[in-house]
Amino acid sequence: MWKKRKRRALMRTPRNLLLGEPSLGPAPTFVHLIYQIILEINRQDVAILFVEHNARQALRLARRGTCWRRGCICPEGLSQELRSDKRIREACLGGTGLGVC
């Protein structure tokens, strides 16, 4: 079903693509494939904005990121910087989240 939706979305050669929770629903074995498809689409000069609860994987995939915590925006920036920021790791990537927002 995901591939069918992807093909339908790309038929008109969009410049932007919005995705909501692309890893929510499919079996875990297919999630890796979905992220590979997202990278493939992005290589075709399509800007992709997606919301994803799997922040760790999303920050590996994206160039830039914004983490939300309890209704507020935590620091945003380049994904590599966010992954290396101790406060972000604690708040959005599995820690306590104290002192970020």
Foldseek 3Di string as FASTA:
>chain_A
DVVVVVCVVPVVPAQEDEEEAQVPDDDPVCSVVSLVVVLVSVVSNRHYDYDHLQLVVVLVRDQWDWDDAPHDTFDIGGSVVLVPDPLNCQCRVPHDNPPGD
